[in-house]
Amino acid sequence: MSAEEMTSSVGTIEVEAERILEEARNRANEILVKANEEVSKILFSELPMAEVKAECQKIIHKAREEADKKVEDSRQKASEIKAEVGNKMDKITERIVNNITGAKLG
């Protein structure tokens, strides 16, 4: 595998990790938008104000928890992808050194 192919592979993996994070951010934003829509519905209903405020806070809290979890899951997945890239790069480097020197590394 040439250096150009390695760079391309690493770049592809990094792009995928960024895409996953962007999807998580988008999903988190969607959840928050839906939560705000629910809040608006509740605010315009005929419920007593104390109940409305409590329900609003509950919905917002739940939406934030879901959004935070999705972002954290995506960060974890991106971290795993980056670790995998590091391992692959180590193996590729070892093969290159072996090919050049004719020696085997530990």
Protein backbone atom coordinates (compact mmCIF):
# COMPACT_ATOMS: atom_id res chain seq x y z
CA MET A 1 0.00 0.00 0.00
CA SER A 2 1.52 3.29 -1.05
CA ALA A 3 1.77 6.37 1.13
CA GLU A 4 -0.83 8.02 -1.11
CA GLU A 5 -3.25 5.12 -0.58
CA MET A 6 -2.63 5.23 3.19
CA THR A 7 -3.30 8.95 3.28
CA SER A 8 -6.45 8.41 1.26
CA SER A 9 -7.63 5.64 3.62
CA VAL A 10 -6.96 7.73 6.70
CA GLY A 11 -8.72 10.68 5.10
CA THR A 12 -11.72 8.53 4.26
CA ILE A 13 -11.97 7.26 7.83
CA GLU A 14 -11.67 10.79 9.23
CA VAL A 15 -14.37 12.00 6.87
CA GLU A 16 -16.62 9.16 8.03
CA ALA A 17 -16.00 10.03 11.67
CA GLU A 18 -16.85 13.67 10.99
CA ARG A 19 -20.00 12.60 9.13
CA ILE A 20 -21.11 10.52 12.12
CA LEU A 21 -20.55 13.45 14.47
CA GLU A 22 -22.45 15.78 12.14
CA GLU A 23 -25.36 13.32 11.99
CA ALA A 24 -25.42 13.20 15.79
CA ARG A 25 -25.43 17.00 15.97
CA ASN A 26 -28.24 17.17 13.43
CA ARG A 27 -30.25 14.56 15.31
CA ALA A 28 -29.68 16.42 18.59
CA ASN A 29 -30.92 19.62 16.95
CA GLU A 30 -33.98 17.79 15.61
CA ILE A 31 -34.76 16.52 19.09
CA LEU A 32 -34.46 20.02 20.53
CA VAL A 33 -36.68 21.47 17.78
CA LYS A 34 -39.32 18.84 18.50
CA ALA A 35 -39.04 19.60 22.20
CA ASN A 36 -39.55 23.30 21.51
CA GLU A 37 -42.59 22.49 19.36
CA GLU A 38 -44.03 20.46 22.22
CA VAL A 39 -43.34 23.34 24.58
CA SER A 40 -45.19 25.70 22.25
CA LYS A 41 -48.17 23.34 22.08
CA ILE A 42 -48.28 23.14 25.84
CA LEU A 43 -47.94 26.89 26.28
CA PHE A 44 -50.93 27.55 24.03
CA SER A 45 -53.12 24.93 25.70
CA GLU A 46 -55.50 25.68 28.54
CA LEU A 47 -53.46 24.01 31.27
CA PRO A 48 -52.62 25.74 34.55
CA MET A 49 -49.31 27.60 34.26
CA ALA A 50 -47.48 25.57 36.93
CA GLU A 51 -48.26 22.33 35.10
CA VAL A 52 -47.19 23.86 31.81
CA LYS A 53 -43.84 24.99 33.18
CA ALA A 54 -43.20 21.62 34.79
CA GLU A 55 -44.06 19.78 31.57
CA CYS A 56 -41.87 22.15 29.55
CA GLN A 57 -38.90 21.54 31.79
CA LYS A 58 -39.48 17.79 31.68
CA ILE A 59 -39.60 17.75 27.87
CA ILE A 60 -36.53 19.95 27.52
CA HIS A 61 -34.60 17.87 30.04
CA LYS A 62 -35.48 14.64 28.25
CA ALA A 63 -34.56 16.12 24.86
CA ARG A 64 -31.20 17.31 26.15
CA GLU A 65 -30.45 13.92 27.69
CA GLU A 66 -31.24 12.19 24.39
CA ALA A 67 -29.21 14.68 22.40
CA ASP A 68 -26.24 14.42 24.78
CA LYS A 69 -26.35 10.63 24.62
CA LYS A 70 -26.39 10.61 20.81
CA VAL A 71 -23.47 13.04 20.65
CA GLU A 72 -21.50 11.02 23.21
CA ASP A 73 -22.21 7.78 21.34
CA SER A 74 -20.99 9.40 18.14
CA ARG A 75 -17.86 10.72 19.83
CA GLN A 76 -17.14 7.23 21.13
CA LYS A 77 -17.60 5.74 17.67
CA ALA A 78 -15.36 8.41 16.13
CA SER A 79 -12.74 7.72 18.79
CA GLU A 80 -12.86 4.00 18.00
CA ILE A 81 -12.46 4.74 14.30
CA LYS A 82 -9.45 6.96 14.98
CA ALA A 83 -7.87 4.27 17.19
CA GLU A 84 -8.44 1.74 14.44
CA VAL A 85 -6.73 4.07 11.97
CA GLY A 86 -3.73 4.32 14.32
CA ASN A 87 -3.47 0.54 14.55
CA LYS A 88 -3.70 0.16 10.79
CA MET A 89 -1.06 2.84 10.27
CA ASP A 90 1.27 1.02 12.69
CA LYS A 91 0.83 -2.23 10.76
CA ILE A 92 1.36 -0.49 7.42
CA THR A 93 4.48 1.23 8.73
CA GLU A 94 5.80 -2.10 9.99
CA ARG A 95 5.24 -3.70 6.57
CA ILE A 96 6.98 -0.84 4.81
CA VAL A 97 9.99 -1.09 7.14
CA ASN A 98 10.08 -4.86 6.64
CA ASN A 99 9.96 -4.45 2.87
CA ILE A 100 12.72 -1.84 2.87
CA THR A 101 15.05 -3.50 5.38
CA GLY A 102 14.14 -7.12 4.78
CA ALA A 103 13.90 -7.46 8.57
CA LYS A 104 10.98 -8.31 10.78
CA LEU A 105 10.06 -6.05 13.65
CA GLY A 106 9.29 -7.48 17.10
